[in-house]
Amino acid sequence: MLPRVFGVLGDPVAHSRSPAMHGAAFARLGLPHRYHAFHVRPEALPAAIAGARALGLGGLNLTVPHKRAACGLVDTLSDRATRMGAVNTIVVGADGLHGDNTDGQGFWAGLGELPGRSMARAVVLGSGGAARAVVDALHHEPARPVDVLWISRRPEALPPGPWRAGGWDAIGDALTGADVLVNATTVGMKGGPASFPAPIDVERLGSGARVVDLVYPRPAGGLLEMAAAHGLATQDGLPMLLWQGVRALEHWLAMSLSADVVEAMRTAIGAPPAG
């Protein structure tokens, strides 16, 4: 088998754990492929994706800030990517470039590893591609859609859908009785803001609620530490990173990954054991 090149495009991208994760999978599968992180600025994204087509790369991931722009640079879009208006995975095939989004699947699979009460209501913070993926997953992945309140600085700019939109002034009451709180903002991320636009009173969530912060690794003194101090189940973004990567790799290789391959990927990025 000839080696193929895969990669992730981002700005910044040096922090990405995806090369280690996919490299571990290729090694476990005995494949000669390679996965690299490519620093691509927004203005260079069209040329970078065109280069992937010309060079016949195996596939690409997109991370901040490229997920939405990539929608207009591929030949076809999956239903998920169309709904989210964002692409995180590109499959390079004989019939062109196919854009998909595995972030929602990754979030849902990761959330399934976190103990907590049954889920009926969720609060999602942020308006970017990650937030869109989480909101979409909460509506489409469970057997019964979850009632979602989507909090943003500009709720009027959020896409219409079967969810409620609210500003940060609604966060206090929104948390009361919610089963899941998801931070999909860049608060706590290196280079991102240090605090939320309004205080997050995790005590309002109550026993058995789950708190997920998609930032990884979890920042000291951040949302997850506050939630854990109140006895709530917490999770950072590594399980979502793992499972979106698993689904992307399954698309590229047209195969299901066995449990031992998934565990090799989990170990490579330092994600906690399932359960």
Protein backbone atom coordinates (compact mmCIF):
# COMPACT_ATOMS: atom_id res chain seq x y z
CA MET A 1 0.00 0.00 0.00
CA LEU A 2 1.31 3.44 -0.92
CA PRO A 3 1.55 5.92 1.95
CA ARG A 4 -0.96 8.77 1.94
CA VAL A 5 -0.87 12.15 3.63
CA PHE A 6 -3.67 13.47 5.84
CA GLY A 7 -3.72 16.66 7.87
CA VAL A 8 -5.46 19.40 9.80
CA LEU A 9 -5.60 23.02 8.65
CA GLY A 10 -5.86 25.73 11.28
CA ASP A 11 -4.71 29.14 12.49
CA PRO A 12 -3.26 28.55 15.05
CA VAL A 13 -2.65 24.80 14.82
CA ALA A 14 0.64 24.03 16.61
CA HIS A 15 -1.30 22.96 19.73
CA SER A 16 -3.29 20.29 17.87
CA ARG A 17 -3.15 16.75 19.22
CA SER A 18 -4.66 15.34 16.05
CA PRO A 19 -1.29 14.33 14.51
CA ALA A 20 -0.46 12.21 17.57
CA MET A 21 -3.96 10.72 17.61
CA HIS A 22 -4.08 9.73 13.96
CA GLY A 23 -0.45 8.66 13.95
CA ALA A 24 -1.25 6.21 16.75
CA ALA A 25 -4.18 4.84 14.75
CA PHE A 26 -2.09 4.33 11.62
CA ALA A 27 0.60 2.57 13.65
CA ARG A 28 -1.93 0.24 15.30
CA LEU A 29 -3.49 -0.53 11.91
CA GLY A 30 -0.10 -1.16 10.32
CA LEU A 31 -0.65 1.55 7.70
CA PRO A 32 2.18 3.68 6.23
CA HIS A 33 0.12 6.90 6.23
CA ARG A 34 1.12 10.21 7.84
CA TYR A 35 -0.92 13.00 9.42
CA HIS A 36 0.41 16.56 9.77
CA ALA A 37 -0.73 19.90 11.17
CA PHE A 38 -0.61 22.69 8.57
CA HIS A 39 -0.66 26.35 9.61
CA VAL A 40 -2.97 27.99 7.08
CA ARG A 41 -4.15 31.58 7.41
CA PRO A 42 -7.75 32.37 6.36
CA GLU A 43 -6.75 34.08 3.13
CA ALA A 44 -4.75 31.00 2.09
CA LEU A 45 -7.50 28.45 2.77
CA PRO A 46 -8.84 28.23 -0.82
CA ALA A 47 -5.33 27.56 -2.14
CA ALA A 48 -4.64 25.00 0.58
CA ILE A 49 -7.79 23.01 -0.16
CA ALA A 50 -7.17 23.23 -3.89
CA GLY A 51 -3.67 21.89 -3.19
CA ALA A 52 -5.14 18.93 -1.31
CA ARG A 53 -7.23 18.16 -4.38
CA ALA A 54 -4.28 18.50 -6.76
CA LEU A 55 -1.93 16.42 -4.63
CA GLY A 56 -4.47 13.70 -3.93
CA LEU A 57 -4.19 13.89 -0.15
CA GLY A 58 -6.03 11.22 1.80
CA GLY A 59 -8.22 13.67 3.69
CA LEU A 60 -8.28 16.83 5.77
CA ASN A 61 -9.60 18.14 9.04
CA LEU A 62 -10.46 21.81 9.55
CA THR A 63 -10.17 23.63 12.84
CA VAL A 64 -10.51 27.26 13.95
CA PRO A 65 -11.13 29.49 12.01
CA HIS A 66 -11.75 27.51 8.82
CA LYS A 67 -14.83 25.34 9.40
CA ARG A 68 -17.45 27.69 7.99
CA ALA A 69 -15.36 28.95 5.07
CA ALA A 70 -14.65 25.38 3.97
CA CYS A 71 -18.33 24.87 3.13
CA GLY A 72 -17.88 26.88 -0.03
CA LEU A 73 -14.65 25.17 -1.06
CA VAL A 74 -15.82 21.56 -1.43
CA ASP A 75 -17.89 19.86 -4.12
CA THR A 76 -20.54 18.24 -1.92
CA LEU A 77 -21.71 18.56 1.67
CA SER A 78 -23.22 16.02 4.03
CA ASP A 79 -26.57 16.77 5.63
CA ARG A 80 -24.79 17.38 8.94
CA ALA A 81 -22.36 19.89 7.46
CA THR A 82 -25.22 21.63 5.66
CA ARG A 83 -27.26 21.93 8.86
CA MET A 84 -24.29 23.24 10.85
CA GLY A 85 -22.91 25.46 8.13
CA ALA A 86 -19.48 24.10 9.03
CA VAL A 87 -17.04 21.45 7.80
CA ASN A 88 -14.46 19.75 9.98
CA THR A 89 -13.68 16.77 7.72
CA ILE A 90 -12.97 16.62 4.00
CA VAL A 91 -12.89 13.32 2.16
CA VAL A 92 -10.78 13.47 -1.00
CA GLY A 93 -12.27 11.05 -3.51
CA ALA A 94 -12.26 10.32 -7.21
CA ASP A 95 -15.51 12.27 -7.51
CA GLY A 96 -14.17 15.36 -5.74
CA LEU A 97 -14.06 16.82 -2.27
CA HIS A 98 -16.84 15.85 0.15
CA GLY A 99 -17.33 17.99 3.25
CA ASP A 100 -18.69 16.47 6.44
CA ASN A 101 -18.84 17.42 10.10
CA THR A 102 -18.05 14.80 12.74
CA ASP A 103 -17.90 17.25 15.67
CA GLY A 104 -21.49 16.61 16.75
CA GLN A 105 -20.99 12.85 16.67
CA GLY A 106 -17.78 13.33 18.63
CA PHE A 107 -19.49 15.44 21.28
CA TRP A 108 -22.36 12.98 21.68
CA ALA A 109 -20.09 9.95 21.96
CA GLY A 110 -17.90 11.75 24.48
CA LEU A 111 -20.90 12.84 26.53
CA GLY A 112 -21.96 9.20 26.72
CA GLU A 113 -18.78 8.49 28.70
CA LEU A 114 -19.78 10.99 31.41
CA PRO A 115 -22.11 9.80 34.18
CA GLY A 116 -25.11 11.91 35.05
CA ARG A 117 -28.87 12.08 35.16
CA SER A 118 -31.03 11.59 32.09
CA MET A 119 -31.03 14.56 29.79
CA ALA A 120 -34.03 16.70 28.92
CA ARG A 121 -32.66 20.27 29.05
CA ALA A 122 -29.30 21.67 28.00
CA VAL A 123 -27.62 25.07 27.93
CA VAL A 124 -24.98 25.70 25.25
CA LEU A 125 -22.66 28.72 25.41
CA GLY A 126 -21.12 30.23 22.27
CA SER A 127 -21.97 30.79 18.63
CA GLY A 128 -19.06 29.32 16.65
CA GLY A 129 -18.66 26.06 14.78
CA ALA A 130 -18.23 23.98 17.93
CA ALA A 131 -21.44 25.37 19.43
CA ARG A 132 -23.32 24.66 16.21
CA ALA A 133 -22.10 21.06 16.27
CA VAL A 134 -23.16 20.57 19.89
CA VAL A 135 -26.62 22.07 19.35
CA ASP A 136 -27.13 19.95 16.23
CA ALA A 137 -26.05 16.80 18.07
CA LEU A 138 -28.41 17.46 20.98
CA HIS A 139 -31.28 17.64 18.51
CA HIS A 140 -30.38 14.80 16.14
CA GLU A 141 -28.36 12.20 18.08
CA PRO A 142 -30.60 11.21 21.02
CA ALA A 143 -33.80 9.21 20.57
CA ARG A 144 -35.72 12.25 21.78
CA PRO A 145 -34.38 15.75 20.99
CA VAL A 146 -33.13 17.73 23.96
CA ASP A 147 -34.64 21.12 24.84
CA VAL A 148 -31.71 23.47 24.14
CA LEU A 149 -31.20 27.06 25.22
CA TRP A 150 -28.43 28.50 23.05
CA ILE A 151 -26.67 31.45 24.70
CA SER A 152 -24.78 33.99 22.59
CA ARG A 153 -23.67 37.62 22.72
CA ARG A 154 -25.85 38.11 19.63
CA PRO A 155 -28.76 35.66 19.91
CA GLU A 156 -30.50 37.34 16.99
CA ALA A 157 -27.66 36.17 14.72
CA LEU A 158 -27.99 32.48 15.63
CA PRO A 159 -29.44 30.25 12.89
CA PRO A 160 -33.14 29.41 13.23
CA GLY A 161 -34.02 25.94 14.40
CA PRO A 162 -35.79 23.82 17.01
CA TRP A 163 -33.99 25.50 19.91
CA ARG A 164 -34.37 28.64 21.99
CA ALA A 165 -31.89 31.49 21.64
CA GLY A 166 -30.94 33.81 24.47
CA GLY A 167 -28.43 36.44 25.48
CA TRP A 168 -26.03 36.28 28.40
CA ASP A 169 -28.55 38.11 30.57
CA ALA A 170 -30.60 34.89 30.56
CA ILE A 171 -27.85 32.61 31.85
CA GLY A 172 -28.84 32.68 35.53
CA ASP A 173 -32.39 31.43 35.14
CA ALA A 174 -31.37 29.13 32.27
CA LEU A 175 -29.10 27.05 34.51
CA THR A 176 -31.83 26.23 37.02
CA GLY A 177 -32.82 22.63 36.42
CA ALA A 178 -30.67 22.15 33.30
CA ASP A 179 -29.20 18.66 32.93
CA VAL A 180 -26.17 19.63 30.83
CA LEU A 181 -24.11 22.81 30.48
CA VAL A 182 -21.69 23.02 27.54
CA ASN A 183 -19.09 25.74 27.15
CA ALA A 184 -18.34 26.04 23.44
CA THR A 185 -16.77 29.51 23.72
CA THR A 186 -13.03 30.23 23.74
CA VAL A 187 -13.09 31.35 27.38
CA GLY A 188 -10.14 29.64 29.10
CA MET A 189 -8.39 28.76 25.83
CA LYS A 190 -4.83 30.02 25.41
CA GLY A 191 -5.17 33.44 23.81
CA GLY A 192 -8.90 33.56 24.52
CA PRO A 193 -10.84 35.65 27.06
CA ALA A 194 -10.30 34.92 30.73
CA SER A 195 -13.93 35.22 31.84
CA PHE A 196 -17.49 34.83 30.61
CA PRO A 197 -19.68 37.85 29.79
CA ALA A 198 -21.81 36.99 32.84
CA PRO A 199 -21.19 34.89 35.98
CA ILE A 200 -21.86 31.14 35.72
CA ASP A 201 -23.53 29.93 38.92
CA VAL A 202 -23.07 26.16 38.62
CA GLU A 203 -24.94 25.61 41.90
CA ARG A 204 -28.16 26.26 39.99
CA LEU A 205 -27.65 23.05 37.98
CA GLY A 206 -28.26 20.72 40.89
CA SER A 207 -27.12 17.20 41.66
CA GLY A 208 -26.60 14.83 38.73
CA ALA A 209 -26.04 17.53 36.10
CA ARG A 210 -23.10 17.32 33.69
CA VAL A 211 -20.75 20.16 32.71
CA VAL A 212 -18.67 19.96 29.54
CA ASP A 213 -16.03 22.54 28.60
CA LEU A 214 -14.74 21.97 25.07
CA VAL A 215 -11.49 23.76 25.88
CA TYR A 216 -8.58 21.36 26.46
CA PRO A 217 -6.61 20.90 28.52
CA ARG A 218 -8.94 22.22 31.22
CA PRO A 219 -7.70 25.59 32.52
CA ALA A 220 -6.82 25.82 36.22
CA GLY A 221 -9.53 27.53 38.23
CA GLY A 222 -11.95 27.43 35.31
CA LEU A 223 -15.53 26.29 34.83
CA LEU A 224 -14.83 22.59 35.33
CA GLU A 225 -13.04 23.11 38.63
CA MET A 226 -15.98 25.14 39.90
CA ALA A 227 -18.41 22.46 38.77
CA ALA A 228 -16.36 19.63 40.27
CA ALA A 229 -16.20 21.50 43.58
CA HIS A 230 -20.00 21.27 43.68
CA GLY A 231 -19.99 17.54 42.99
CA LEU A 232 -20.99 17.74 39.33
CA ALA A 233 -19.68 15.38 36.64
CA THR A 234 -17.24 17.25 34.38
CA GLN A 235 -15.49 16.70 31.05
CA ASP A 236 -13.09 18.73 28.92
CA GLY A 237 -12.85 18.67 25.13
CA LEU A 238 -10.57 15.64 24.77
CA PRO A 239 -13.33 12.98 24.48
CA MET A 240 -14.99 15.04 21.74
CA LEU A 241 -11.62 15.41 20.00
CA LEU A 242 -11.13 11.66 20.20
CA TRP A 243 -14.50 10.64 18.82
CA GLN A 244 -14.69 13.23 16.05
CA GLY A 245 -11.27 11.92 14.98
CA VAL A 246 -12.49 8.33 15.08
CA ARG A 247 -15.44 9.18 12.83
CA ALA A 248 -13.27 11.19 10.43
CA LEU A 249 -10.77 8.36 10.12
CA GLU A 250 -13.56 5.87 9.47
CA HIS A 251 -14.73 8.08 6.61
CA TRP A 252 -11.24 8.35 5.10
CA LEU A 253 -10.45 4.65 5.38
CA ALA A 254 -14.01 3.41 4.66
CA MET A 255 -13.88 1.06 7.63
CA SER A 256 -14.97 0.79 11.26
CA LEU A 257 -12.22 1.16 13.83
CA SER A 258 -11.83 -1.58 16.41
CA ALA A 259 -11.75 -0.86 20.14
CA ASP A 260 -7.97 -1.32 20.36
CA VAL A 261 -7.40 1.33 17.68
CA VAL A 262 -9.72 3.75 19.48
CA GLU A 263 -7.87 3.14 22.75
CA ALA A 264 -4.52 3.80 21.03
CA MET A 265 -5.92 7.13 19.84
CA ARG A 266 -7.27 7.91 23.31
CA THR A 267 -3.91 7.23 24.92
CA ALA A 268 -2.07 9.35 22.35
CA ILE A 269 -4.02 12.50 23.26
CA GLY A 270 -4.25 11.84 26.99
CA ALA A 271 -8.03 11.53 27.06
CA PRO A 272 -9.44 9.90 30.21
CA PRO A 273 -10.60 6.27 30.11
CA ALA A 274 -14.21 5.75 29.11
CA GLY A 275 -16.62 5.57 32.02
